[in-house]
C-alpha atoms as a PDB file:
ATOM      1  CA  MET A   1      18.420  13.836   4.762  1.00  0.00           C
ATOM      2  CA  SER A   2      19.270  11.596   1.502  1.00  0.00           C
ATOM      3  CA  ILE A   3      16.297  11.576  -0.991  1.00  0.00           C
ATOM      4  CA  ASN A   4      15.864   8.443  -3.155  1.00  0.00           C
ATOM      5  CA  TRP A   5      13.033   6.868  -5.037  1.00  0.00           C
ATOM      6  CA  PHE A   6      13.502   3.948  -7.460  1.00  0.00           C
ATOM      7  CA  PRO A   7      10.698   1.960  -7.505  1.00  0.00           C
ATOM      8  CA  GLY A   8      10.573  -1.736  -9.434  1.00  0.00           C
ATOM      9  CA  HIS A   9       8.939  -0.282 -12.315  1.00  0.00           C
ATOM     10  CA  MET A  10      11.529   2.239 -12.837  1.00  0.00           C
ATOM     11  CA  HIS A  11      14.095  -0.556 -12.741  1.00  0.00           C
ATOM     12  CA  LYS A  12      12.215  -2.432 -15.637  1.00  0.00           C
ATOM     13  CA  ALA A  13      11.555   0.519 -17.358  1.00  0.00           C
ATOM     14  CA  ARG A  14      15.756   1.184 -17.605  1.00  0.00           C
ATOM     15  CA  LYS A  15      16.110  -2.247 -19.116  1.00  0.00           C
ATOM     16  CA  GLU A  16      13.123  -2.263 -21.498  1.00  0.00           C
ATOM     17  CA  ILE A  17      14.909   1.080 -22.967  1.00  0.00           C
ATOM     18  CA  ALA A  18      18.414  -0.470 -22.934  1.00  0.00           C
ATOM     19  CA  GLU A  19      16.741  -3.540 -25.082  1.00  0.00           C
ATOM     20  CA  VAL A  20      15.353  -0.969 -27.878  1.00  0.00           C
ATOM     21  CA  MET A  21      18.012   1.665 -27.887  1.00  0.00           C
ATOM     22  CA  PRO A  22      19.807  -0.089 -30.952  1.00  0.00           C
ATOM     23  CA  GLN A  23      16.856   0.512 -33.022  1.00  0.00           C
ATOM     24  CA  VAL A  24      16.527   4.246 -32.349  1.00  0.00           C
ATOM     25  CA  ASP A  25      17.968   6.966 -34.606  1.00  0.00           C
ATOM     26  CA  VAL A  26      17.167  10.104 -32.138  1.00  0.00           C
ATOM     27  CA  ILE A  27      16.568  10.533 -28.440  1.00  0.00           C
ATOM     28  CA  ILE A  28      14.185  13.321 -27.316  1.00  0.00           C
ATOM     29  CA  GLU A  29      15.323  13.635 -23.548  1.00  0.00           C
ATOM     30  CA  MET A  30      12.673  15.920 -21.508  1.00  0.00           C
ATOM     31  CA  ILE A  31      14.164  17.925 -18.685  1.00  0.00           C
ATOM     32  CA  ASP A  32      12.988  20.573 -16.350  1.00  0.00           C
ATOM     33  CA  ALA A  33      14.081  23.849 -17.168  1.00  0.00           C
ATOM     34  CA  ARG A  34      14.100  24.802 -13.695  1.00  0.00           C
ATOM     35  CA  ILE A  35      16.554  22.228 -12.929  1.00  0.00           C
ATOM     36  CA  PRO A  36      18.660  21.079 -15.962  1.00  0.00           C
ATOM     37  CA  PHE A  37      21.253  19.438 -14.230  1.00  0.00           C
ATOM     38  CA  SER A  38      19.328  17.673 -11.502  1.00  0.00           C
ATOM     39  CA  SER A  39      16.575  16.307 -14.144  1.00  0.00           C
ATOM     40  CA  GLU A  40      19.090  15.131 -16.590  1.00  0.00           C
ATOM     41  CA  ASN A  41      19.467  11.256 -16.162  1.00  0.00           C
ATOM     42  CA  PRO A  42      22.823  10.213 -15.592  1.00  0.00           C
ATOM     43  CA  LEU A  43      21.914   6.915 -17.213  1.00  0.00           C
ATOM     44  CA  VAL A  44      21.044   8.480 -20.580  1.00  0.00           C
ATOM     45  CA  PRO A  45      25.047   8.558 -21.448  1.00  0.00           C
ATOM     46  CA  GLU A  46      25.336   5.131 -20.772  1.00  0.00           C
ATOM     47  CA  LEU A  47      22.256   3.974 -22.653  1.00  0.00           C
ATOM     48  CA  ARG A  48      22.386   6.438 -25.559  1.00  0.00           C
ATOM     49  CA  GLY A  49      26.098   5.503 -27.057  1.00  0.00           C
ATOM     50  CA  ASP A  50      26.499   7.908 -30.179  1.00  0.00           C
ATOM     51  CA  THR A  51      22.713   8.283 -30.634  1.00  0.00           C
ATOM     52  CA  PRO A  52      22.123  11.989 -31.102  1.00  0.00           C
ATOM     53  CA  VAL A  53      19.672  13.527 -28.331  1.00  0.00           C
ATOM     54  CA  ILE A  54      17.552  16.455 -28.227  1.00  0.00           C
ATOM     55  CA  LYS A  55      17.437  17.993 -24.709  1.00  0.00           C
ATOM     56  CA  VAL A  56      14.212  19.751 -24.408  1.00  0.00           C
ATOM     57  CA  LEU A  57      13.934  22.029 -21.438  1.00  0.00           C
ATOM     58  CA  ASN A  58      10.297  21.743 -20.724  1.00  0.00           C
ATOM     59  CA  LYS A  59       8.294  24.115 -18.462  1.00  0.00           C
ATOM     60  CA  ALA A  60      10.810  27.070 -19.747  1.00  0.00           C
ATOM     61  CA  ASP A  61       7.937  29.503 -18.886  1.00  0.00           C
ATOM     62  CA  LEU A  62       8.394  28.327 -15.157  1.00  0.00           C
ATOM     63  CA  ALA A  63      12.200  28.833 -15.267  1.00  0.00           C
ATOM     64  CA  ASP A  64      14.334  31.863 -15.046  1.00  0.00           C
ATOM     65  CA  PRO A  65      14.995  32.885 -18.952  1.00  0.00           C
ATOM     66  CA  ALA A  66      18.819  34.513 -18.311  1.00  0.00           C
ATOM     67  CA  ILE A  67      19.635  31.312 -16.682  1.00  0.00           C
ATOM     68  CA  THR A  68      17.987  28.893 -19.098  1.00  0.00           C
ATOM     69  CA  ALA A  69      19.979  30.120 -22.043  1.00  0.00           C
ATOM     70  CA  LEU A  70      23.423  29.703 -20.068  1.00  0.00           C
ATOM     71  CA  TRP A  71      22.121  25.977 -19.724  1.00  0.00           C
ATOM     72  CA  VAL A  72      21.410  25.763 -23.423  1.00  0.00           C
ATOM     73  CA  ALA A  73      25.205  26.729 -24.063  1.00  0.00           C
ATOM     74  CA  HIS A  74      25.914  24.549 -21.563  1.00  0.00           C
ATOM     75  CA  LEU A  75      24.146  21.281 -22.916  1.00  0.00           C
ATOM     76  CA  GLU A  76      25.210  22.025 -26.744  1.00  0.00           C
ATOM     77  CA  GLN A  77      28.904  21.937 -25.682  1.00  0.00           C
ATOM     78  CA  GLN A  78      28.392  18.150 -25.851  1.00  0.00           C
ATOM     79  CA  LYS A  79      28.878  16.107 -28.825  1.00  0.00           C
ATOM     80  CA  GLY A  80      25.438  15.114 -30.726  1.00  0.00           C
ATOM     81  CA  ILE A  81      23.512  17.276 -28.315  1.00  0.00           C
ATOM     82  CA  ARG A  82      20.827  20.000 -29.330  1.00  0.00           C
ATOM     83  CA  ALA A  83      18.962  21.813 -26.434  1.00  0.00           C
ATOM     84  CA  LEU A  84      15.596  23.347 -27.220  1.00  0.00           C
ATOM     85  CA  PRO A  85      13.420  25.286 -24.462  1.00  0.00           C
ATOM     86  CA  LEU A  86       9.706  24.706 -24.274  1.00  0.00           C
ATOM     87  CA  THR A  87       6.603  25.460 -22.918  1.00  0.00           C
ATOM     88  CA  GLN A  88       3.488  23.962 -23.422  1.00  0.00           C
ATOM     89  CA  GLN A  89       1.540  27.176 -23.739  1.00  0.00           C
ATOM     90  CA  LYS A  90       3.122  27.513 -27.267  1.00  0.00           C
ATOM     91  CA  PRO A  91       2.298  24.289 -29.344  1.00  0.00           C
ATOM     92  CA  GLU A  92       3.617  25.813 -32.441  1.00  0.00           C
ATOM     93  CA  GLU A  93       7.082  25.302 -30.819  1.00  0.00           C
ATOM     94  CA  ILE A  94       6.566  22.167 -29.806  1.00  0.00           C
ATOM     95  CA  LYS A  95       5.746  21.045 -33.289  1.00  0.00           C
ATOM     96  CA  SER A  96       9.177  22.102 -34.415  1.00  0.00           C
ATOM     97  CA  LEU A  97      10.551  19.091 -32.590  1.00  0.00           C
ATOM     98  CA  LEU A  98       9.662  16.969 -35.673  1.00  0.00           C
ATOM     99  CA  SER A  99      11.607  18.955 -37.944  1.00  0.00           C
ATOM    100  CA  LEU A 100      14.716  18.860 -35.562  1.00  0.00           C
ATOM    101  CA  CYS A 101      14.410  15.231 -35.623  1.00  0.00           C
ATOM    102  CA  HIS A 102      14.980  15.107 -39.162  1.00  0.00           C
ATOM    103  CA  GLU A 103      17.909  17.709 -38.791  1.00  0.00           C
ATOM    104  CA  MET A 104      19.665  15.701 -36.486  1.00  0.00           C
ATOM    105  CA  LEU A 105      19.926  12.892 -38.935  1.00  0.00           C
ATOM    106  CA  PRO A 106      20.391  14.445 -42.496  1.00  0.00           C
ATOM    107  CA  GLU A 107      21.709  11.415 -43.796  1.00  0.00           C
ATOM    108  CA  ARG A 108      18.138   9.759 -43.151  1.00  0.00           C
ATOM    109  CA  GLU A 109      16.084  12.461 -45.217  1.00  0.00           C
ATOM    110  CA  LYS A 110      15.560  10.334 -47.886  1.00  0.00           C
ATOM    111  CA  ALA A 111      15.560   6.854 -46.093  1.00  0.00           C
ATOM    112  CA  VAL A 112      12.562   4.781 -46.813  1.00  0.00           C
ATOM    113  CA  ARG A 113      12.378   3.637 -43.322  1.00  0.00           C
ATOM    114  CA  GLY A 114      10.950   6.292 -41.015  1.00  0.00           C
ATOM    115  CA  VAL A 115      12.910   8.040 -38.497  1.00  0.00           C
ATOM    116  CA  ARG A 116      12.615   6.176 -35.137  1.00  0.00           C
ATOM    117  CA  ALA A 117      12.725   8.318 -32.321  1.00  0.00           C
ATOM    118  CA  MET A 118      12.571   7.570 -28.588  1.00  0.00           C
ATOM    119  CA  ILE A 119      11.092  10.268 -25.807  1.00  0.00           C
ATOM    120  CA  MET A 120      12.555   9.699 -22.449  1.00  0.00           C
ATOM    121  CA  GLY A 121      12.716  11.549 -19.028  1.00  0.00           C
ATOM    122  CA  ILE A 122      11.960  11.847 -15.342  1.00  0.00           C
ATOM    123  CA  PRO A 123       8.538  11.483 -13.781  1.00  0.00           C
ATOM    124  CA  ASN A 124       6.344  14.513 -14.289  1.00  0.00           C
ATOM    125  CA  VAL A 125       8.219  16.738 -16.685  1.00  0.00           C
ATOM    126  CA  GLY A 126       5.649  16.889 -19.096  1.00  0.00           C
ATOM    127  CA  LYS A 127       6.213  13.892 -21.656  1.00  0.00           C
ATOM    128  CA  SER A 128       2.533  12.972 -22.187  1.00  0.00           C
ATOM    129  CA  THR A 129       1.420  16.190 -22.861  1.00  0.00           C
ATOM    130  CA  LEU A 130       4.301  16.997 -25.150  1.00  0.00           C
ATOM    131  CA  ILE A 131       3.365  13.683 -27.127  1.00  0.00           C
ATOM    132  CA  ASN A 132      -0.456  14.463 -27.372  1.00  0.00           C
ATOM    133  CA  THR A 133       0.621  18.042 -28.729  1.00  0.00           C
ATOM    134  CA  LEU A 134       3.060  16.538 -31.418  1.00  0.00           C
ATOM    135  CA  ALA A 135       0.156  13.850 -31.992  1.00  0.00           C
ATOM    136  CA  GLY A 136      -2.715  16.275 -32.228  1.00  0.00           C
ATOM    137  CA  ARG A 137      -4.838  13.842 -30.229  1.00  0.00           C
ATOM    138  CA  ILE A 138      -4.855  12.371 -26.843  1.00  0.00           C
ATOM    139  CA  ILE A 139      -2.716   9.512 -27.092  1.00  0.00           C
ATOM    140  CA  ALA A 140      -0.691   9.610 -23.540  1.00  0.00           C
ATOM    141  CA  LYS A 141      -2.241   9.726 -20.452  1.00  0.00           C
ATOM    142  CA  THR A 142      -1.206  13.156 -18.542  1.00  0.00           C
ATOM    143  CA  GLY A 143      -1.495  13.896 -14.845  1.00  0.00           C
ATOM    144  CA  ASN A 144      -0.012  16.144 -12.340  1.00  0.00           C
ATOM    145  CA  GLU A 145       2.100  13.609 -10.414  1.00  0.00           C
ATOM    146  CA  ALA A 146       5.030  11.375 -10.801  1.00  0.00           C
ATOM    147  CA  GLY A 147       4.839   8.165 -12.607  1.00  0.00           C
ATOM    148  CA  VAL A 148       1.703   8.346 -14.667  1.00  0.00           C
ATOM    149  CA  THR A 149       3.054   6.346 -17.885  1.00  0.00           C
ATOM    150  CA  LYS A 150       3.729   2.519 -16.856  1.00  0.00           C
ATOM    151  CA  SER A 151       5.085   1.198 -19.925  1.00  0.00           C
ATOM    152  CA  GLN A 152       6.234   1.775 -23.726  1.00  0.00           C
ATOM    153  CA  GLN A 153       3.793   2.673 -26.323  1.00  0.00           C
ATOM    154  CA  ARG A 154       4.649   3.839 -30.181  1.00  0.00           C
ATOM    155  CA  ILE A 155       3.069   6.440 -31.908  1.00  0.00           C
ATOM    156  CA  LYS A 156       3.266   7.366 -35.549  1.00  0.00           C
ATOM    157  CA  LEU A 157       3.664  11.361 -35.821  1.00  0.00           C
ATOM    158  CA  ASP A 158       3.929  13.634 -38.780  1.00  0.00           C
ATOM    159  CA  GLY A 159       7.210  13.633 -41.042  1.00  0.00           C
ATOM    160  CA  ASN A 160       7.220   9.763 -41.022  1.00  0.00           C
ATOM    161  CA  ILE A 161       8.701   9.577 -37.601  1.00  0.00           C
ATOM    162  CA  ILE A 162       7.541   6.691 -35.141  1.00  0.00           C
ATOM    163  CA  LEU A 163       8.191   7.865 -31.474  1.00  0.00           C
ATOM    164  CA  THR A 164       8.388   5.387 -28.391  1.00  0.00           C
ATOM    165  CA  ASP A 165       7.182   6.934 -25.547  1.00  0.00           C
ATOM    166  CA  THR A 166       8.808   5.130 -22.031  1.00  0.00           C
ATOM    167  CA  PRO A 167       7.918   5.424 -18.830  1.00  0.00           C
ATOM    168  CA  GLY A 168       9.521   8.086 -16.525  1.00  0.00           C
ATOM    169  CA  PHE A 169      12.313   6.853 -14.498  1.00  0.00           C
ATOM    170  CA  LEU A 170      14.943   8.036 -12.026  1.00  0.00           C
ATOM    171  CA  TRP A 171      18.236   6.668 -11.171  1.00  0.00           C
ATOM    172  CA  PRO A 172      19.309   4.618  -7.869  1.00  0.00           C
ATOM    173  CA  LYS A 173      21.402   6.971  -6.203  1.00  0.00           C
ATOM    174  CA  LEU A 174      20.425  10.733  -6.580  1.00  0.00           C
ATOM    175  CA  SER A 175      24.198  12.500  -6.036  1.00  0.00           C
ATOM    176  CA  PRO A 176      24.961  15.148  -5.226  1.00  0.00           C
ATOM    177  CA  ALA A 177      22.345  15.031  -2.344  1.00  0.00           C
ATOM    178  CA  SER A 178      20.944  18.614  -3.817  1.00  0.00           C
ATOM    179  CA  CYS A 179      19.599  16.714  -6.889  1.00  0.00           C
ATOM    180  CA  GLY A 180      17.184  14.696  -4.863  1.00  0.00           C
ATOM    181  CA  TYR A 181      15.930  17.885  -2.993  1.00  0.00           C
ATOM    182  CA  ARG A 182      15.754  19.850  -6.242  1.00  0.00           C
ATOM    183  CA  LEU A 183      13.609  16.864  -7.943  1.00  0.00           C
ATOM    184  CA  ALA A 184      11.370  16.890  -4.714  1.00  0.00           C
ATOM    185  CA  VAL A 185      10.887  20.543  -4.624  1.00  0.00           C
ATOM    186  CA  THR A 186       9.675  20.470  -8.178  1.00  0.00           C
ATOM    187  CA  GLY A 187       7.319  17.366  -8.224  1.00  0.00           C
ATOM    188  CA  ALA A 188       9.631  14.805  -9.951  1.00  0.00           C
ATOM    189  CA  ILE A 189       9.489  12.345  -6.825  1.00  0.00           C
ATOM    190  CA  LYS A 190       5.881  11.324  -5.508  1.00  0.00           C
ATOM    191  CA  ASP A 191       4.997  13.609  -2.287  1.00  0.00           C
ATOM    192  CA  THR A 192       4.079  10.431  -0.305  1.00  0.00           C
ATOM    193  CA  VAL A 193       7.904   9.852   0.009  1.00  0.00           C
ATOM    194  CA  ILE A 194       9.194  13.103   1.053  1.00  0.00           C
ATOM    195  CA  ASP A 195       8.886  15.152   4.059  1.00  0.00           C
ATOM    196  CA  TYR A 196       7.425  18.696   3.159  1.00  0.00           C
ATOM    197  CA  ALA A 197       9.067  20.471   5.856  1.00  0.00           C
ATOM    198  CA  ASP A 198      12.494  19.296   4.878  1.00  0.00           C
ATOM    199  CA  ILE A 199      12.467  20.429   1.202  1.00  0.00           C
ATOM    200  CA  ALA A 200      10.522  23.354   1.907  1.00  0.00           C
ATOM    201  CA  LEU A 201      13.192  24.431   4.430  1.00  0.00           C
ATOM    202  CA  PHE A 202      15.691  23.851   1.294  1.00  0.00           C
ATOM    203  CA  ALA A 203      13.797  25.644  -1.095  1.00  0.00           C
ATOM    204  CA  ALA A 204      13.577  28.805   1.352  1.00  0.00           C
ATOM    205  CA  GLU A 205      17.173  28.614   2.104  1.00  0.00           C
ATOM    206  CA  TYR A 206      17.958  29.093  -1.815  1.00  0.00           C
ATOM    207  CA  LEU A 207      15.011  31.598  -2.532  1.00  0.00           C
ATOM    208  CA  LEU A 208      16.337  34.076   0.133  1.00  0.00           C
ATOM    209  CA  LYS A 209      19.622  33.852  -1.732  1.00  0.00           C
ATOM    210  CA  ALA A 210      18.716  33.599  -5.400  1.00  0.00           C
ATOM    211  CA  TYR A 211      15.518  35.425  -5.327  1.00  0.00           C
ATOM    212  CA  PRO A 212      14.822  37.637  -2.312  1.00  0.00           C
ATOM    213  CA  GLU A 213      12.926  39.947  -4.042  1.00  0.00           C
ATOM    214  CA  ARG A 214      10.136  37.498  -5.428  1.00  0.00           C
ATOM    215  CA  LEU A 215       9.755  36.263  -1.730  1.00  0.00           C
ATOM    216  CA  MET A 216       9.058  40.053  -0.494  1.00  0.00           C
ATOM    217  CA  GLU A 217       6.563  40.608  -3.121  1.00  0.00           C
ATOM    218  CA  ARG A 218       4.842  37.396  -2.596  1.00  0.00           C
ATOM    219  CA  TYR A 219       4.355  36.975   0.840  1.00  0.00           C
ATOM    220  CA  GLN A 220       4.161  41.027   1.324  1.00  0.00           C
ATOM    221  CA  LEU A 221       7.231  41.060   3.636  1.00  0.00           C
ATOM    222  CA  SER A 222       8.382  44.371   4.936  1.00  0.00           C
ATOM    223  CA  ALA A 223      11.821  43.063   5.665  1.00  0.00           C
ATOM    224  CA  LEU A 224      13.749  40.071   4.535  1.00  0.00           C
ATOM    225  CA  PRO A 225      14.267  37.241   7.034  1.00  0.00           C
ATOM    226  CA  ALA A 226      17.364  36.287   7.902  1.00  0.00           C
ATOM    227  CA  ASN A 227      17.344  32.620   7.436  1.00  0.00           C
ATOM    228  CA  ASP A 228      14.972  29.629   6.163  1.00  0.00           C
ATOM    229  CA  ILE A 229      13.282  29.216   9.211  1.00  0.00           C
ATOM    230  CA  GLU A 230      12.425  32.988   9.808  1.00  0.00           C
ATOM    231  CA  LEU A 231      11.230  32.795   6.414  1.00  0.00           C
ATOM    232  CA  MET A 232       8.711  29.993   7.231  1.00  0.00           C
ATOM    233  CA  ASP A 233       7.542  31.982  10.271  1.00  0.00           C
ATOM    234  CA  ALA A 234       6.906  34.922   8.235  1.00  0.00           C
ATOM    235  CA  ILE A 235       4.761  33.457   5.428  1.00  0.00           C
ATOM    236  CA  ALA A 236       2.804  31.234   8.189  1.00  0.00           C
ATOM    237  CA  GLU A 237       1.648  34.253   9.639  1.00  0.00           C
ATOM    238  CA  ARG A 238       0.820  35.798   6.577  1.00  0.00           C
ATOM    239  CA  ARG A 239      -1.241  33.095   5.828  1.00  0.00           C
ATOM    240  CA  GLY A 240      -2.823  32.288   8.993  1.00  0.00           C
ATOM    241  CA  CYS A 241      -0.549  29.130   9.489  1.00  0.00           C
ATOM    242  CA  MET A 242      -0.553  29.634  13.369  1.00  0.00           C
ATOM    243  CA  ARG A 243      -1.137  27.082  15.760  1.00  0.00           C
ATOM    244  CA  LYS A 244      -2.305  27.840  19.528  1.00  0.00           C
ATOM    245  CA  GLY A 245       0.619  29.627  21.384  1.00  0.00           C
ATOM    246  CA  GLY A 246       1.853  31.403  18.319  1.00  0.00           C
ATOM    247  CA  VAL A 247       3.716  28.480  16.759  1.00  0.00           C
ATOM    248  CA  SER A 248       4.033  28.206  13.153  1.00  0.00           C
ATOM    249  CA  ASP A 249       2.325  25.119  11.369  1.00  0.00           C
ATOM    250  CA  LEU A 250       5.366  24.139   9.681  1.00  0.00           C
ATOM    251  CA  HIS A 251       3.823  21.434   7.431  1.00  0.00           C
ATOM    252  CA  LYS A 252       0.931  23.696   6.221  1.00  0.00           C
ATOM    253  CA  VAL A 253       3.138  26.661   5.380  1.00  0.00           C
ATOM    254  CA  SER A 254       5.619  24.349   3.698  1.00  0.00           C
ATOM    255  CA  GLU A 255       2.769  22.959   1.524  1.00  0.00           C
ATOM    256  CA  ILE A 256       2.084  26.470   0.669  1.00  0.00           C
ATOM    257  CA  LEU A 257       5.615  27.806  -0.041  1.00  0.00           C
ATOM    258  CA  ILE A 258       5.977  24.188  -2.584  1.00  0.00           C
ATOM    259  CA  HIS A 259       2.572  24.409  -4.106  1.00  0.00           C
ATOM    260  CA  GLU A 260       3.124  27.964  -5.153  1.00  0.00           C
ATOM    261  CA  LEU A 261       6.811  27.725  -6.498  1.00  0.00           C
ATOM    262  CA  ARG A 262       5.894  24.675  -8.660  1.00  0.00           C
ATOM    263  CA  LEU A 263       2.879  26.597  -9.917  1.00  0.00           C
ATOM    264  CA  GLY A 264       5.126  29.416 -10.919  1.00  0.00           C
ATOM    265  CA  GLN A 265       3.140  32.046  -8.326  1.00  0.00           C
ATOM    266  CA  LEU A 266       6.554  33.159  -7.263  1.00  0.00           C
ATOM    267  CA  GLY A 267       7.347  34.001 -10.960  1.00  0.00           C
ATOM    268  CA  PRO A 268       9.832  32.224 -13.333  1.00  0.00           C
ATOM    269  CA  LEU A 269      12.742  30.679 -11.156  1.00  0.00           C
ATOM    270  CA  THR A 270      15.543  28.300 -11.861  1.00  0.00           C
ATOM    271  CA  LEU A 271      16.732  26.466  -8.740  1.00  0.00           C
ATOM    272  CA  GLU A 272      20.489  25.597 -10.253  1.00  0.00           C
ATOM    273  CA  THR A 273      23.127  26.791 -12.531  1.00  0.00           C
ATOM    274  CA  PRO A 274      25.898  25.441 -14.397  1.00  0.00           C
ATOM    275  CA  GLU A 275      28.597  27.125 -12.368  1.00  0.00           C
ATOM    276  CA  MET A 276      26.430  26.091  -8.978  1.00  0.00           C
ATOM    277  CA  VAL A 277      26.635  22.190 -10.144  1.00  0.00           C
ATOM    278  CA  SER A 278      30.084  22.168 -11.090  1.00  0.00           C
ATOM    279  CA  GLN A 279      31.170  23.213  -7.546  1.00  0.00           C
ATOM    280  CA  GLU A 280      28.582  20.817  -6.182  1.00  0.00           C
ATOM    281  CA  LEU A 281      30.048  18.008  -8.290  1.00  0.00           C
ATOM    282  CA  VAL A 282      33.352  18.709  -7.184  1.00  0.00           C
ATOM    283  CA  GLU A 283      32.468  18.883  -3.298  1.00  0.00           C
ATOM    284  CA  ALA A 284      30.550  15.732  -4.032  1.00  0.00           C
ATOM    285  CA  LYS A 285      33.502  13.829  -5.467  1.00  0.00           C
ATOM    286  CA  GLU A 286      35.538  14.928  -2.460  1.00  0.00           C
ATOM    287  CA  GLU A 287      32.882  13.866   0.013  1.00  0.00           C
ATOM    288  CA  GLU A 288      33.189  10.516  -1.933  1.00  0.00           C
ATOM    289  CA  ALA A 289      36.694  10.043  -1.410  1.00  0.00           C
ATOM    290  CA  ARG A 290      36.740  11.157   2.022  1.00  0.00           C
ATOM    291  CA  LYS A 291      34.053   8.489   2.698  1.00  0.00           C
ATOM    292  CA  ALA A 292      36.071   5.973   0.715  1.00  0.00           C
ATOM    293  CA  LYS A 293      39.189   6.428   2.785  1.00  0.00           C
ATOM    294  CA  GLU A 294      37.098   6.411   6.086  1.00  0.00           C
ATOM    295  CA  LYS A 295      35.921   2.928   5.087  1.00  0.00           C
ATOM    296  CA  ALA A 296      39.352   1.725   3.928  1.00  0.00           C
ATOM    297  CA  ASP A 297      40.759   2.827   6.996  1.00  0.00           C
ATOM    298  CA  ARG A 298      38.167   1.308   9.116  1.00  0.00           C
ATOM    299  CA  ASP A 299      38.667  -2.139   7.181  1.00  0.00           C
ATOM    300  CA  LYS A 300      42.609  -1.894   7.801  1.00  0.00           C
ATOM    301  CA  ALA A 301      41.971  -1.327  11.513  1.00  0.00           C
ATOM    302  CA  ARG A 302      39.145  -4.253  11.667  1.00  0.00           C
ATOM    303  CA  GLN A 303      41.749  -6.665   9.836  1.00  0.00           C
ATOM    304  CA  ALA A 304      44.710  -5.628  12.138  1.00  0.00           C
ATOM    305  CA  LYS A 305      42.899  -6.013  15.074  1.00  0.00           C
ATOM    306  CA  ALA A 306      41.857  -9.781  13.826  1.00  0.00           C
ATOM    307  CA  ARG A 307      45.170 -10.346  12.986  1.00  0.00           C
ATOM    308  CA  LYS A 308      46.689  -9.411  16.444  1.00  0.00           C
ATOM    309  CA  ARG A 309      43.655 -11.463  18.254  1.00  0.00           C
ATOM    310  CA  TYR A 310      43.631 -14.760  16.115  1.00  0.00           C
ATOM    311  CA  GLY A 311      47.594 -14.442  15.217  1.00  0.00           C
ATOM    312  CA  LYS A 312      47.124 -14.598  11.827  1.00  0.00           C
END
């Protein structure tokens, strides 16, 4: 199943960001530390040009610290990029963003005009909470769901920084397909447009490979299940999610797994690594080439059939 979510207000947000981008000195792009690639908007490079970017790996307390370090090194290989893992539990580290904005623009240190920063990122990545911490007061509406911020607003921060807040937006096509699943697992896509069982089975398959000991501990399993379905059945039995006849309630147990993963109750974990993503991109490119060839072959066969039939 392919997961995509690009409602009209996201298309509007993208257009509005493009309009004001020439006035922006530095971009703060918030990504989810558990899925740094999947939550990194591929439209940002197109929109930013040469504007420097601070990649904030938010929710770092929920992510695997060893893999977060790999992602920081990977991201900072790009020109004009700084990466900064943050957690909402450490507001003093969040405030360091202000000085980092100035560091990214040394030539503007003594400028009369303040630094114009723009914060952007996917839905439900924590932008509003971070803005309120930076401002020292409640400015941005927060909520544990995707799509809370609906329009741009400008906020004056310490250090002569004017910050433009933007609505969270995704992109029209989530590729590779696994990106859509990871975004759904972590809550960046509205729950009303996803199939809980589908994304829970995706998460279960990954967790069995990457964090088997966490599953054993959290769900008090005496043996590691062989596959995703067996894992869901085992959790259902432990949590009383059984229907008549001894059949697991897949939807109910899926909700349990996804909610506990999102809350960090399985411990800090990351759903992708730089090496994994590199391989997925290669495979996605090969798949696109295969589909393009199949389409070209179908078109060629159709044209040949038409010529034969109509003598053209």
